Amino acid sequence: MKLASIQQITELRPIPGADRIEAATVLGYQTVVRKGEFQVGDLCVWHEPDTVVAERPEYEFLRKQNFRLKVARFKGQISQGLALPVATVSGAQGLPLGADVTEAIGIRKYEKPLPVQLAGVAKGPFPGWLIKTDEPNLRSYPEALAEFAGRRCLITQKVDGSSGTFYLRNGVFGVCSRNLDLKEDAENTFWRIARQLKIEEALQTLGGDFALQGEAHGENIQSNHLRIKGVTCAAFDLFDIVEHQYLSQGRLVEFCAANGLPVVRTVWEGNFKFTLDELVALANQQEYAPGLPAEGIVIRPVEPARSLALPSGRLSAKVVSETYGLKYGE
């Protein structure tokens, strides 16, 4: 994904009570910029939210937050990401709208530290015949909104945990963290979950090569914002390894119900007609428990569909809660 790119300031508006800053719209985001720094239509270097910039002079003002871009609030205005004038960022000059400058400016995605009980012992890298769980943010690709329009879709609550993949291929069962294929280890949380939920036995009922993907969560995982006892995994995808494609959400729910497996919670289902602002509002409303904001929502069609707008090529995207970012963006 593009973590930094040349984008356009599409709207500017004043912030009540603020003399030196104003709100700007870039892609599907609202961010805060210095007043007078941009005009509507200007190009900027856009830095995606929840990323880490390089220790360069133009980013020195971010040192106190370890150069990480977090959700912030200025004079009551939510601000996500960072827009800087092209002239101020070395390596970004003279490029066209949409140009990817991620490598040129040395920006990387922020990843939460993986607890030792999740890290495990690597058997190898994440298998190339699977697809990593990496949901694109719809606010970064607002043009994809039109691809959802009119389709029957599910919106599910995003679980705050660590993604895992459980596969059965050629009769061999395996467990993966986000980036690694893991050796079986009774101390590893992903393997404990696999045995606890009998995922291998569940996959055997499908009679082929399949993978189940889900979010491990619970005690000692990402501060356990869901406040559950023990550990478990909420399934969000069922993948056909041979056909190299995802199965429908209906098949996933049916499979999980038949095998007693937890599945992510559906918060809405129907013919899609949301605006981006409405989706942001829905994401902000999500809670795991009263006063504990959820990480956000995931939107996808009931039947799998391709996307020309999203980098994954799959019509599936998340919207992250601003409320969550403000509370837990440590």
C-alpha atoms as a PDB file:
ATOM      1  CA  MET A   1       0.000   0.000   0.000  1.00  0.00           C
ATOM      2  CA  LYS A   2       1.039   3.598  -0.510  1.00  0.00           C
ATOM      3  CA  LEU A   3       1.982   4.933   2.911  1.00  0.00           C
ATOM      4  CA  ALA A   4       3.056   8.283   1.484  1.00  0.00           C
ATOM      5  CA  SER A   5       2.005   9.790  -1.820  1.00  0.00           C
ATOM      6  CA  ILE A   6       1.388  12.997  -3.736  1.00  0.00           C
ATOM      7  CA  GLN A   7      -2.217  13.984  -3.149  1.00  0.00           C
ATOM      8  CA  GLN A   8      -4.441  17.035  -3.463  1.00  0.00           C
ATOM      9  CA  ILE A   9      -5.992  19.351  -0.905  1.00  0.00           C
ATOM     10  CA  THR A  10      -9.657  19.128  -1.919  1.00  0.00           C
ATOM     11  CA  GLU A  11     -11.192  21.296   0.818  1.00  0.00           C
ATOM     12  CA  LEU A  12     -10.147  23.804   3.468  1.00  0.00           C
ATOM     13  CA  ARG A  13     -12.309  25.111   6.266  1.00  0.00           C
ATOM     14  CA  PRO A  14     -11.760  27.183   9.402  1.00  0.00           C
ATOM     15  CA  ILE A  15     -11.584  25.684  12.878  1.00  0.00           C
ATOM     16  CA  PRO A  16     -13.627  27.707  15.387  1.00  0.00           C
ATOM     17  CA  GLY A  17     -11.366  29.491  17.835  1.00  0.00           C
ATOM     18  CA  ALA A  18      -8.183  28.693  15.906  1.00  0.00           C
ATOM     19  CA  ASP A  19      -6.052  31.488  14.396  1.00  0.00           C
ATOM     20  CA  ARG A  20      -3.064  29.524  13.143  1.00  0.00           C
ATOM     21  CA  ILE A  21      -4.519  26.240  11.903  1.00  0.00           C
ATOM     22  CA  GLU A  22      -7.341  25.048   9.654  1.00  0.00           C
ATOM     23  CA  ALA A  23      -8.906  21.753   8.613  1.00  0.00           C
ATOM     24  CA  ALA A  24      -8.039  20.190   5.256  1.00  0.00           C
ATOM     25  CA  THR A  25      -9.535  17.270   3.349  1.00  0.00           C
ATOM     26  CA  VAL A  26      -7.139  14.839   1.663  1.00  0.00           C
ATOM     27  CA  LEU A  27      -8.582  11.677   0.111  1.00  0.00           C
ATOM     28  CA  GLY A  28     -11.202  10.608   2.690  1.00  0.00           C
ATOM     29  CA  TYR A  29      -9.392  12.093   5.690  1.00  0.00           C
ATOM     30  CA  GLN A  30      -9.704  15.256   7.726  1.00  0.00           C
ATOM     31  CA  THR A  31      -6.348  16.638   8.845  1.00  0.00           C
ATOM     32  CA  VAL A  32      -5.076  19.859  10.394  1.00  0.00           C
ATOM     33  CA  VAL A  33      -2.653  22.144   8.538  1.00  0.00           C
ATOM     34  CA  ARG A  34      -1.137  25.558   9.152  1.00  0.00           C
ATOM     35  CA  LYS A  35      -3.397  28.375   8.040  1.00  0.00           C
ATOM     36  CA  GLY A  36      -2.305  29.792   4.702  1.00  0.00           C
ATOM     37  CA  GLU A  37       0.031  26.896   3.973  1.00  0.00           C
ATOM     38  CA  PHE A  38      -2.231  25.485   1.251  1.00  0.00           C
ATOM     39  CA  GLN A  39      -4.881  26.562  -1.205  1.00  0.00           C
ATOM     40  CA  VAL A  40      -7.644  24.242  -2.419  1.00  0.00           C
ATOM     41  CA  GLY A  41      -6.233  22.237  -5.345  1.00  0.00           C
ATOM     42  CA  ASP A  42      -2.624  22.342  -4.128  1.00  0.00           C
ATOM     43  CA  LEU A  43      -0.587  19.169  -4.146  1.00  0.00           C
ATOM     44  CA  CYS A  44       0.836  17.899  -0.885  1.00  0.00           C
ATOM     45  CA  VAL A  45       2.891  15.029   0.427  1.00  0.00           C
ATOM     46  CA  TRP A  46       0.285  12.913   2.171  1.00  0.00           C
ATOM     47  CA  HIS A  47       1.369  10.616   4.992  1.00  0.00           C
ATOM     48  CA  GLU A  48      -1.097   7.881   5.955  1.00  0.00           C
ATOM     49  CA  PRO A  49      -2.276   7.631   9.576  1.00  0.00           C
ATOM     50  CA  ASP A  50      -0.613   5.201  11.967  1.00  0.00           C
ATOM     51  CA  THR A  51       2.712   5.254  10.187  1.00  0.00           C
ATOM     52  CA  VAL A  52       6.255   6.062  11.309  1.00  0.00           C
ATOM     53  CA  VAL A  53       8.315   8.628   9.429  1.00  0.00           C
ATOM     54  CA  ALA A  54      12.093   8.721   9.132  1.00  0.00           C
ATOM     55  CA  GLU A  55      14.237  10.790  11.487  1.00  0.00           C
ATOM     56  CA  ARG A  56      14.740  13.605   9.005  1.00  0.00           C
ATOM     57  CA  PRO A  57      14.843  17.382   9.614  1.00  0.00           C
ATOM     58  CA  GLU A  58      11.357  17.957   8.164  1.00  0.00           C
ATOM     59  CA  TYR A  59       9.888  15.571  10.764  1.00  0.00           C
ATOM     60  CA  GLU A  60      11.770  16.800  13.815  1.00  0.00           C
ATOM     61  CA  PHE A  61       8.506  18.157  15.269  1.00  0.00           C
ATOM     62  CA  LEU A  62       7.361  14.525  15.650  1.00  0.00           C
ATOM     63  CA  ARG A  63      10.302  13.425  17.806  1.00  0.00           C
ATOM     64  CA  LYS A  64       8.367  13.569  21.092  1.00  0.00           C
ATOM     65  CA  GLN A  65       5.939  10.969  19.746  1.00  0.00           C
ATOM     66  CA  ASN A  66       8.744   8.779  18.370  1.00  0.00           C
ATOM     67  CA  PHE A  67       8.019   9.986  14.815  1.00  0.00           C
ATOM     68  CA  ARG A  68       4.705   8.130  14.757  1.00  0.00           C
ATOM     69  CA  LEU A  69       1.609   9.708  13.235  1.00  0.00           C
ATOM     70  CA  LYS A  70      -1.267   9.259  15.675  1.00  0.00           C
ATOM     71  CA  VAL A  71      -4.852  10.456  15.697  1.00  0.00           C
ATOM     72  CA  ALA A  72      -4.923  13.860  17.378  1.00  0.00           C
ATOM     73  CA  ARG A  73      -7.378  16.599  18.231  1.00  0.00           C
ATOM     74  CA  PHE A  74      -6.641  20.314  17.767  1.00  0.00           C
ATOM     75  CA  LYS A  75      -9.168  22.874  19.018  1.00  0.00           C
ATOM     76  CA  GLY A  76     -11.807  20.139  18.861  1.00  0.00           C
ATOM     77  CA  GLN A  77     -10.908  19.111  15.298  1.00  0.00           C
ATOM     78  CA  ILE A  78      -9.917  15.465  14.707  1.00  0.00           C
ATOM     79  CA  SER A  79      -6.746  15.181  12.659  1.00  0.00           C
ATOM     80  CA  GLN A  80      -5.475  12.033  10.957  1.00  0.00           C
ATOM     81  CA  GLY A  81      -2.380  11.620   8.833  1.00  0.00           C
ATOM     82  CA  LEU A  82      -0.106  14.464   7.808  1.00  0.00           C
ATOM     83  CA  ALA A  83      -0.122  16.825   4.817  1.00  0.00           C
ATOM     84  CA  LEU A  84       3.074  18.755   4.083  1.00  0.00           C
ATOM     85  CA  PRO A  85       3.897  21.070   1.177  1.00  0.00           C
ATOM     86  CA  VAL A  86       5.766  19.211  -1.543  1.00  0.00           C
ATOM     87  CA  ALA A  87       8.623  21.721  -1.425  1.00  0.00           C
ATOM     88  CA  THR A  88       9.387  20.905   2.213  1.00  0.00           C
ATOM     89  CA  VAL A  89       9.888  17.144   1.790  1.00  0.00           C
ATOM     90  CA  SER A  90      13.158  16.016   0.265  1.00  0.00           C
ATOM     91  CA  GLY A  91      12.652  13.547  -2.601  1.00  0.00           C
ATOM     92  CA  ALA A  92       9.036  14.501  -3.305  1.00  0.00           C
ATOM     93  CA  GLN A  93       9.445  17.392  -5.722  1.00  0.00           C
ATOM     94  CA  GLY A  94       8.300  17.320  -9.333  1.00  0.00           C
ATOM     95  CA  LEU A  95       6.102  14.246  -9.036  1.00  0.00           C
ATOM     96  CA  PRO A  96       2.551  13.881 -10.379  1.00  0.00           C
ATOM     97  CA  LEU A  97      -0.674  13.428  -8.432  1.00  0.00           C
ATOM     98  CA  GLY A  98      -0.867   9.925  -6.980  1.00  0.00           C
ATOM     99  CA  ALA A  99       2.873   9.224  -7.115  1.00  0.00           C
ATOM    100  CA  ASP A 100       4.059   6.833  -4.409  1.00  0.00           C
ATOM    101  CA  VAL A 101       6.878   8.317  -2.299  1.00  0.00           C
ATOM    102  CA  THR A 102       6.856   5.736   0.504  1.00  0.00           C
ATOM    103  CA  GLU A 103      10.402   4.516  -0.128  1.00  0.00           C
ATOM    104  CA  ALA A 104      11.738   7.896  -1.163  1.00  0.00           C
ATOM    105  CA  ILE A 105      10.937   9.471   2.195  1.00  0.00           C
ATOM    106  CA  GLY A 106      11.429   6.348   4.331  1.00  0.00           C
ATOM    107  CA  ILE A 107       7.975   5.967   5.857  1.00  0.00           C
ATOM    108  CA  ARG A 108       6.798   2.642   7.289  1.00  0.00           C
ATOM    109  CA  LYS A 109       3.603   1.208   8.738  1.00  0.00           C
ATOM    110  CA  TYR A 110       3.363   1.201  12.524  1.00  0.00           C
ATOM    111  CA  GLU A 111       2.950  -2.307  13.888  1.00  0.00           C
ATOM    112  CA  LYS A 112       2.077  -3.008  17.483  1.00  0.00           C
ATOM    113  CA  PRO A 113       4.785  -4.995  19.276  1.00  0.00           C
ATOM    114  CA  LEU A 114       3.982  -8.709  19.210  1.00  0.00           C
ATOM    115  CA  PRO A 115       3.870 -10.228  22.720  1.00  0.00           C
ATOM    116  CA  VAL A 116       6.338 -13.063  23.249  1.00  0.00           C
ATOM    117  CA  GLN A 117       3.523 -15.609  23.666  1.00  0.00           C
ATOM    118  CA  LEU A 118       2.307 -14.742  20.147  1.00  0.00           C
ATOM    119  CA  ALA A 119       5.704 -14.517  18.440  1.00  0.00           C
ATOM    120  CA  GLY A 120       6.447 -18.240  18.558  1.00  0.00           C
ATOM    121  CA  VAL A 121       9.226 -20.122  16.774  1.00  0.00           C
ATOM    122  CA  ALA A 122       9.333 -19.721  13.009  1.00  0.00           C
ATOM    123  CA  LYS A 123       9.037 -22.768  10.766  1.00  0.00           C
ATOM    124  CA  GLY A 124       9.374 -20.441   7.796  1.00  0.00           C
ATOM    125  CA  PRO A 125       8.006 -17.226   6.290  1.00  0.00           C
ATOM    126  CA  PHE A 126       4.310 -16.691   5.733  1.00  0.00           C
ATOM    127  CA  PRO A 127       3.374 -19.106   2.908  1.00  0.00           C
ATOM    128  CA  GLY A 128       3.164 -17.610  -0.556  1.00  0.00           C
ATOM    129  CA  TRP A 129       0.091 -19.694  -1.380  1.00  0.00           C
ATOM    130  CA  LEU A 130      -1.889 -17.834   1.282  1.00  0.00           C
ATOM    131  CA  ILE A 131      -2.879 -14.161   1.443  1.00  0.00           C
ATOM    132  CA  LYS A 132      -1.816 -12.033   4.388  1.00  0.00           C
ATOM    133  CA  THR A 133      -4.507 -10.284   6.392  1.00  0.00           C
ATOM    134  CA  ASP A 134      -4.057  -6.603   5.617  1.00  0.00           C
ATOM    135  CA  GLU A 135      -7.327  -4.735   5.185  1.00  0.00           C
ATOM    136  CA  PRO A 136      -6.987  -1.419   3.275  1.00  0.00           C
ATOM    137  CA  ASN A 137      -8.481   1.683   4.865  1.00  0.00           C
ATOM    138  CA  LEU A 138     -11.428   2.940   2.816  1.00  0.00           C
ATOM    139  CA  ARG A 139     -10.533   6.547   3.673  1.00  0.00           C
ATOM    140  CA  SER A 140      -7.307   6.060   1.716  1.00  0.00           C
ATOM    141  CA  TYR A 141      -9.254   4.824  -1.329  1.00  0.00           C
ATOM    142  CA  PRO A 142     -12.546   6.782  -1.334  1.00  0.00           C
ATOM    143  CA  GLU A 143     -13.115   5.888  -4.996  1.00  0.00           C
ATOM    144  CA  ALA A 144     -13.822   2.313  -3.844  1.00  0.00           C
ATOM    145  CA  LEU A 145     -17.027   3.535  -2.188  1.00  0.00           C
ATOM    146  CA  ALA A 146     -18.759   3.424  -5.584  1.00  0.00           C
ATOM    147  CA  GLU A 147     -17.791  -0.247  -6.003  1.00  0.00           C
ATOM    148  CA  PHE A 148     -19.755  -1.156  -2.871  1.00  0.00           C
ATOM    149  CA  ALA A 149     -22.838   0.822  -3.912  1.00  0.00           C
ATOM    150  CA  GLY A 150     -25.953  -1.294  -4.437  1.00  0.00           C
ATOM    151  CA  ARG A 151     -24.297  -4.569  -3.441  1.00  0.00           C
ATOM    152  CA  ARG A 152     -25.575  -6.631  -0.554  1.00  0.00           C
ATOM    153  CA  CYS A 153     -22.895  -6.165   2.083  1.00  0.00           C
ATOM    154  CA  LEU A 154     -21.963  -7.052   5.632  1.00  0.00           C
ATOM    155  CA  ILE A 155     -20.404  -4.608   8.046  1.00  0.00           C
ATOM    156  CA  THR A 156     -18.628  -6.317  10.922  1.00  0.00           C
ATOM    157  CA  GLN A 157     -16.974  -4.972  14.042  1.00  0.00           C
ATOM    158  CA  LYS A 158     -13.177  -5.017  13.865  1.00  0.00           C
ATOM    159  CA  VAL A 159     -11.661  -6.996  16.724  1.00  0.00           C
ATOM    160  CA  ASP A 160      -8.621  -5.497  18.458  1.00  0.00           C
ATOM    161  CA  GLY A 161      -6.091  -8.306  18.644  1.00  0.00           C
ATOM    162  CA  SER A 162      -3.498 -10.026  16.462  1.00  0.00           C
ATOM    163  CA  SER A 163      -4.385 -11.740  13.194  1.00  0.00           C
ATOM    164  CA  GLY A 164      -3.681 -15.421  12.701  1.00  0.00           C
ATOM    165  CA  THR A 165      -4.084 -17.925   9.879  1.00  0.00           C
ATOM    166  CA  PHE A 166      -4.860 -21.617  10.380  1.00  0.00           C
ATOM    167  CA  TYR A 167      -4.468 -23.861   7.336  1.00  0.00           C
ATOM    168  CA  LEU A 168      -4.883 -27.450   6.196  1.00  0.00           C
ATOM    169  CA  ARG A 169      -2.942 -28.220   3.017  1.00  0.00           C
ATOM    170  CA  ASN A 170      -2.156 -31.672   1.629  1.00  0.00           C
ATOM    171  CA  GLY A 171      -3.215 -33.089   4.960  1.00  0.00           C
ATOM    172  CA  VAL A 172      -0.755 -30.934   6.923  1.00  0.00           C
ATOM    173  CA  PHE A 173      -2.135 -28.517   9.514  1.00  0.00           C
ATOM    174  CA  GLY A 174      -0.295 -25.279  10.153  1.00  0.00           C
ATOM    175  CA  VAL A 175      -0.598 -22.043  12.095  1.00  0.00           C
ATOM    176  CA  CYS A 176       0.696 -18.620  11.071  1.00  0.00           C
ATOM    177  CA  SER A 177       1.131 -15.287  12.764  1.00  0.00           C
ATOM    178  CA  ARG A 178       0.903 -12.191  10.608  1.00  0.00           C
ATOM    179  CA  ASN A 179       4.320 -12.752   9.014  1.00  0.00           C
ATOM    180  CA  LEU A 180       5.495 -16.268   9.929  1.00  0.00           C
ATOM    181  CA  ASP A 181       4.576 -19.941   9.630  1.00  0.00           C
ATOM    182  CA  LEU A 182       4.980 -21.195  13.211  1.00  0.00           C
ATOM    183  CA  LYS A 183       6.260 -24.466  14.644  1.00  0.00           C
ATOM    184  CA  GLU A 184       3.836 -26.128  17.010  1.00  0.00           C
ATOM    185  CA  ASP A 185       4.493 -24.946  20.538  1.00  0.00           C
ATOM    186  CA  ALA A 186       2.207 -25.417  23.536  1.00  0.00           C
ATOM    187  CA  GLU A 187       3.310 -22.014  24.854  1.00  0.00           C
ATOM    188  CA  ASN A 188       2.392 -20.145  21.670  1.00  0.00           C
ATOM    189  CA  THR A 189      -1.005 -18.456  21.875  1.00  0.00           C
ATOM    190  CA  PHE A 190      -1.956 -19.067  18.223  1.00  0.00           C
ATOM    191  CA  TRP A 191      -1.281 -22.800  18.606  1.00  0.00           C
ATOM    192  CA  ARG A 192      -3.094 -22.879  21.940  1.00  0.00           C
ATOM    193  CA  ILE A 193      -6.133 -21.322  20.274  1.00  0.00           C
ATOM    194  CA  ALA A 194      -5.920 -23.789  17.374  1.00  0.00           C
ATOM    195  CA  ARG A 195      -6.015 -26.768  19.717  1.00  0.00           C
ATOM    196  CA  GLN A 196      -8.532 -25.208  22.099  1.00  0.00           C
ATOM    197  CA  LEU A 197     -11.029 -24.504  19.298  1.00  0.00           C
ATOM    198  CA  LYS A 198     -10.207 -27.700  17.370  1.00  0.00           C
ATOM    199  CA  ILE A 199      -9.595 -25.747  14.189  1.00  0.00           C
ATOM    200  CA  GLU A 200      -7.722 -28.587  12.470  1.00  0.00           C
ATOM    201  CA  GLU A 201     -10.702 -30.888  12.954  1.00  0.00           C
ATOM    202  CA  ALA A 202     -13.044 -28.159  11.690  1.00  0.00           C
ATOM    203  CA  LEU A 203     -11.014 -27.645   8.507  1.00  0.00           C
ATOM    204  CA  GLN A 204     -10.988 -31.407   7.879  1.00  0.00           C
ATOM    205  CA  THR A 205     -14.784 -31.297   7.505  1.00  0.00           C
ATOM    206  CA  LEU A 206     -14.360 -29.230   4.324  1.00  0.00           C
ATOM    207  CA  GLY A 207     -12.631 -32.085   2.514  1.00  0.00           C
ATOM    208  CA  GLY A 208      -9.861 -30.112   0.839  1.00  0.00           C
ATOM    209  CA  ASP A 209      -7.200 -27.462   1.283  1.00  0.00           C
ATOM    210  CA  PHE A 210      -8.550 -24.471   3.177  1.00  0.00           C
ATOM    211  CA  ALA A 211      -7.443 -21.769   5.599  1.00  0.00           C
ATOM    212  CA  LEU A 212      -9.319 -19.959   8.341  1.00  0.00           C
ATOM    213  CA  GLN A 213      -8.244 -16.439   9.244  1.00  0.00           C
ATOM    214  CA  GLY A 214      -9.227 -14.603  12.376  1.00  0.00           C
ATOM    215  CA  GLU A 215      -8.253 -12.193  15.125  1.00  0.00           C
ATOM    216  CA  ALA A 216      -6.720 -13.707  18.252  1.00  0.00           C
ATOM    217  CA  HIS A 217      -7.708 -11.687  21.310  1.00  0.00           C
ATOM    218  CA  GLY A 218      -8.001 -11.902  25.049  1.00  0.00           C
ATOM    219  CA  GLU A 219      -5.718 -11.817  28.048  1.00  0.00           C
ATOM    220  CA  ASN A 220      -2.194 -10.503  27.347  1.00  0.00           C
ATOM    221  CA  ILE A 221      -3.071  -9.604  23.742  1.00  0.00           C
ATOM    222  CA  GLN A 222      -3.079  -5.882  22.865  1.00  0.00           C
ATOM    223  CA  SER A 223      -4.231  -4.854  26.366  1.00  0.00           C
ATOM    224  CA  ASN A 224      -7.331  -7.054  25.992  1.00  0.00           C
ATOM    225  CA  HIS A 225      -9.644  -4.172  25.150  1.00  0.00           C
ATOM    226  CA  LEU A 226     -12.523  -6.645  24.776  1.00  0.00           C
ATOM    227  CA  ARG A 227     -12.053  -7.573  28.462  1.00  0.00           C
ATOM    228  CA  ILE A 228     -12.506 -11.323  28.002  1.00  0.00           C
ATOM    229  CA  LYS A 229     -11.070 -14.113  30.142  1.00  0.00           C
ATOM    230  CA  GLY A 230      -8.595 -16.455  28.505  1.00  0.00           C
ATOM    231  CA  VAL A 231      -7.894 -16.246  24.778  1.00  0.00           C
ATOM    232  CA  THR A 232      -9.915 -16.998  21.669  1.00  0.00           C
ATOM    233  CA  CYS A 233     -10.112 -16.112  17.973  1.00  0.00           C
ATOM    234  CA  ALA A 234     -12.912 -14.433  16.021  1.00  0.00           C
ATOM    235  CA  ALA A 235     -12.953 -15.755  12.453  1.00  0.00           C
ATOM    236  CA  PHE A 236     -13.342 -13.290   9.588  1.00  0.00           C
ATOM    237  CA  ASP A 237     -12.282 -15.197   6.452  1.00  0.00           C
ATOM    238  CA  LEU A 238     -12.399 -18.670   4.944  1.00  0.00           C
ATOM    239  CA  PHE A 239      -9.955 -19.214   2.075  1.00  0.00           C
ATOM    240  CA  ASP A 240      -9.849 -21.907  -0.616  1.00  0.00           C
ATOM    241  CA  ILE A 241      -6.124 -22.598  -1.074  1.00  0.00           C
ATOM    242  CA  VAL A 242      -6.444 -24.548  -4.347  1.00  0.00           C
ATOM    243  CA  GLU A 243      -8.689 -21.985  -6.039  1.00  0.00           C
ATOM    244  CA  HIS A 244      -6.782 -19.161  -4.309  1.00  0.00           C
ATOM    245  CA  GLN A 245      -9.942 -17.295  -3.458  1.00  0.00           C
ATOM    246  CA  TYR A 246     -12.060 -16.349  -0.469  1.00  0.00           C
ATOM    247  CA  LEU A 247     -15.367 -18.049   0.170  1.00  0.00           C
ATOM    248  CA  SER A 248     -18.539 -16.056   0.756  1.00  0.00           C
ATOM    249  CA  GLN A 249     -19.364 -14.622   4.163  1.00  0.00           C
ATOM    250  CA  GLY A 250     -22.354 -16.960   4.232  1.00  0.00           C
ATOM    251  CA  ARG A 251     -20.055 -19.979   3.902  1.00  0.00           C
ATOM    252  CA  LEU A 252     -17.831 -18.611   6.656  1.00  0.00           C
ATOM    253  CA  VAL A 253     -20.745 -18.158   9.070  1.00  0.00           C
ATOM    254  CA  GLU A 254     -22.158 -21.578   8.191  1.00  0.00           C
ATOM    255  CA  PHE A 255     -18.760 -23.246   8.706  1.00  0.00           C
ATOM    256  CA  CYS A 256     -18.183 -21.523  12.059  1.00  0.00           C
ATOM    257  CA  ALA A 257     -21.693 -22.363  13.305  1.00  0.00           C
ATOM    258  CA  ALA A 258     -21.297 -26.024  12.371  1.00  0.00           C
ATOM    259  CA  ASN A 259     -17.990 -26.269  14.233  1.00  0.00           C
ATOM    260  CA  GLY A 260     -18.652 -24.059  17.229  1.00  0.00           C
ATOM    261  CA  LEU A 261     -16.128 -21.417  16.186  1.00  0.00           C
ATOM    262  CA  PRO A 262     -16.447 -17.735  17.155  1.00  0.00           C
ATOM    263  CA  VAL A 263     -16.978 -15.308  14.281  1.00  0.00           C
ATOM    264  CA  VAL A 264     -16.695 -11.519  14.084  1.00  0.00           C
ATOM    265  CA  ARG A 265     -19.864  -9.649  15.050  1.00  0.00           C
ATOM    266  CA  THR A 266     -22.111  -8.317  12.282  1.00  0.00           C
ATOM    267  CA  VAL A 267     -23.332  -4.775  12.961  1.00  0.00           C
ATOM    268  CA  TRP A 268     -25.210  -4.223   9.686  1.00  0.00           C
ATOM    269  CA  GLU A 269     -26.323  -6.169   6.615  1.00  0.00           C
ATOM    270  CA  GLY A 270     -28.188  -4.949   3.556  1.00  0.00           C
ATOM    271  CA  ASN A 271     -27.880  -3.152   0.219  1.00  0.00           C
ATOM    272  CA  PHE A 272     -24.985  -0.749   0.611  1.00  0.00           C
ATOM    273  CA  LYS A 273     -25.827   2.966   0.427  1.00  0.00           C
ATOM    274  CA  PHE A 274     -23.488   4.615   2.953  1.00  0.00           C
ATOM    275  CA  THR A 275     -21.454   7.771   2.458  1.00  0.00           C
ATOM    276  CA  LEU A 276     -17.901   7.830   3.764  1.00  0.00           C
ATOM    277  CA  ASP A 277     -18.902  10.222   6.558  1.00  0.00           C
ATOM    278  CA  GLU A 278     -21.669   7.833   7.609  1.00  0.00           C
ATOM    279  CA  LEU A 279     -19.214   4.943   7.741  1.00  0.00           C
ATOM    280  CA  VAL A 280     -16.814   6.985   9.876  1.00  0.00           C
ATOM    281  CA  ALA A 281     -19.696   7.809  12.221  1.00  0.00           C
ATOM    282  CA  LEU A 282     -20.655   4.115  12.411  1.00  0.00           C
ATOM    283  CA  ALA A 283     -17.052   3.155  13.174  1.00  0.00           C
ATOM    284  CA  ASN A 284     -16.904   5.810  15.916  1.00  0.00           C
ATOM    285  CA  GLN A 285     -20.074   4.401  17.505  1.00  0.00           C
ATOM    286  CA  GLN A 286     -18.682   0.887  17.947  1.00  0.00           C
ATOM    287  CA  GLU A 287     -17.896  -0.288  21.467  1.00  0.00           C
ATOM    288  CA  TYR A 288     -16.649  -3.572  22.896  1.00  0.00           C
ATOM    289  CA  ALA A 289     -18.300  -2.640  26.185  1.00  0.00           C
ATOM    290  CA  PRO A 290     -19.694   0.658  27.510  1.00  0.00           C
ATOM    291  CA  GLY A 291     -16.919   3.241  27.352  1.00  0.00           C
ATOM    292  CA  LEU A 292     -14.483   0.929  25.534  1.00  0.00           C
ATOM    293  CA  PRO A 293     -14.355   2.006  21.869  1.00  0.00           C
ATOM    294  CA  ALA A 294     -13.912  -0.687  19.235  1.00  0.00           C
ATOM    295  CA  GLU A 295     -11.144  -0.465  16.658  1.00  0.00           C
ATOM    296  CA  GLY A 296     -13.555   0.133  13.806  1.00  0.00           C
ATOM    297  CA  ILE A 297     -15.520  -1.725  11.137  1.00  0.00           C
ATOM    298  CA  VAL A 298     -14.903  -3.891   8.069  1.00  0.00           C
ATOM    299  CA  ILE A 299     -17.116  -3.670   4.975  1.00  0.00           C
ATOM    300  CA  ARG A 300     -17.352  -6.387   2.349  1.00  0.00           C
ATOM    301  CA  PRO A 301     -19.954  -7.828  -0.040  1.00  0.00           C
ATOM    302  CA  VAL A 302     -21.826 -10.954   1.016  1.00  0.00           C
ATOM    303  CA  GLU A 303     -20.520 -12.576  -2.177  1.00  0.00           C
ATOM    304  CA  PRO A 304     -16.801 -12.021  -2.962  1.00  0.00           C
ATOM    305  CA  ALA A 305     -16.139  -9.309  -5.553  1.00  0.00           C
ATOM    306  CA  ARG A 306     -13.120  -7.791  -7.264  1.00  0.00           C
ATOM    307  CA  SER A 307     -12.038  -4.188  -6.846  1.00  0.00           C
ATOM    308  CA  LEU A 308     -10.223  -1.951  -9.302  1.00  0.00           C
ATOM    309  CA  ALA A 309      -9.701   0.760  -6.686  1.00  0.00           C
ATOM    310  CA  LEU A 310      -8.260  -1.198  -3.744  1.00  0.00           C
ATOM    311  CA  PRO A 311      -4.631  -2.393  -3.880  1.00  0.00           C
ATOM    312  CA  SER A 312      -5.576  -5.905  -2.772  1.00  0.00           C
ATOM    313  CA  GLY A 313      -7.852  -6.314  -5.786  1.00  0.00           C
ATOM    314  CA  ARG A 314     -10.526  -7.569  -3.402  1.00  0.00           C
ATOM    315  CA  LEU A 315     -13.604  -5.522  -2.539  1.00  0.00           C
ATOM    316  CA  SER A 316     -13.115  -5.407   1.223  1.00  0.00           C
ATOM    317  CA  ALA A 317     -12.018  -2.476   3.373  1.00  0.00           C
ATOM    318  CA  LYS A 318     -11.929  -1.164   6.909  1.00  0.00           C
ATOM    319  CA  VAL A 319     -12.797   2.161   8.498  1.00  0.00           C
ATOM    320  CA  VAL A 320     -10.861   2.824  11.699  1.00  0.00           C
ATOM    321  CA  SER A 321     -12.582   4.519  14.613  1.00  0.00           C
ATOM    322  CA  GLU A 322     -11.288   7.976  15.448  1.00  0.00           C
ATOM    323  CA  THR A 323     -12.571   7.489  18.996  1.00  0.00           C
ATOM    324  CA  TYR A 324     -10.430   4.369  19.342  1.00  0.00           C
ATOM    325  CA  GLY A 325      -7.375   6.186  17.962  1.00  0.00           C
ATOM    326  CA  LEU A 326      -7.725   9.025  20.433  1.00  0.00           C
ATOM    327  CA  LYS A 327      -8.124   6.679  23.418  1.00  0.00           C
ATOM    328  CA  TYR A 328      -5.586   3.996  22.599  1.00  0.00           C
ATOM    329  CA  GLY A 329      -3.110   5.711  20.266  1.00  0.00           C
ATOM    330  CA  GLU A 330      -0.302   5.386  22.778  1.00  0.00           C
END
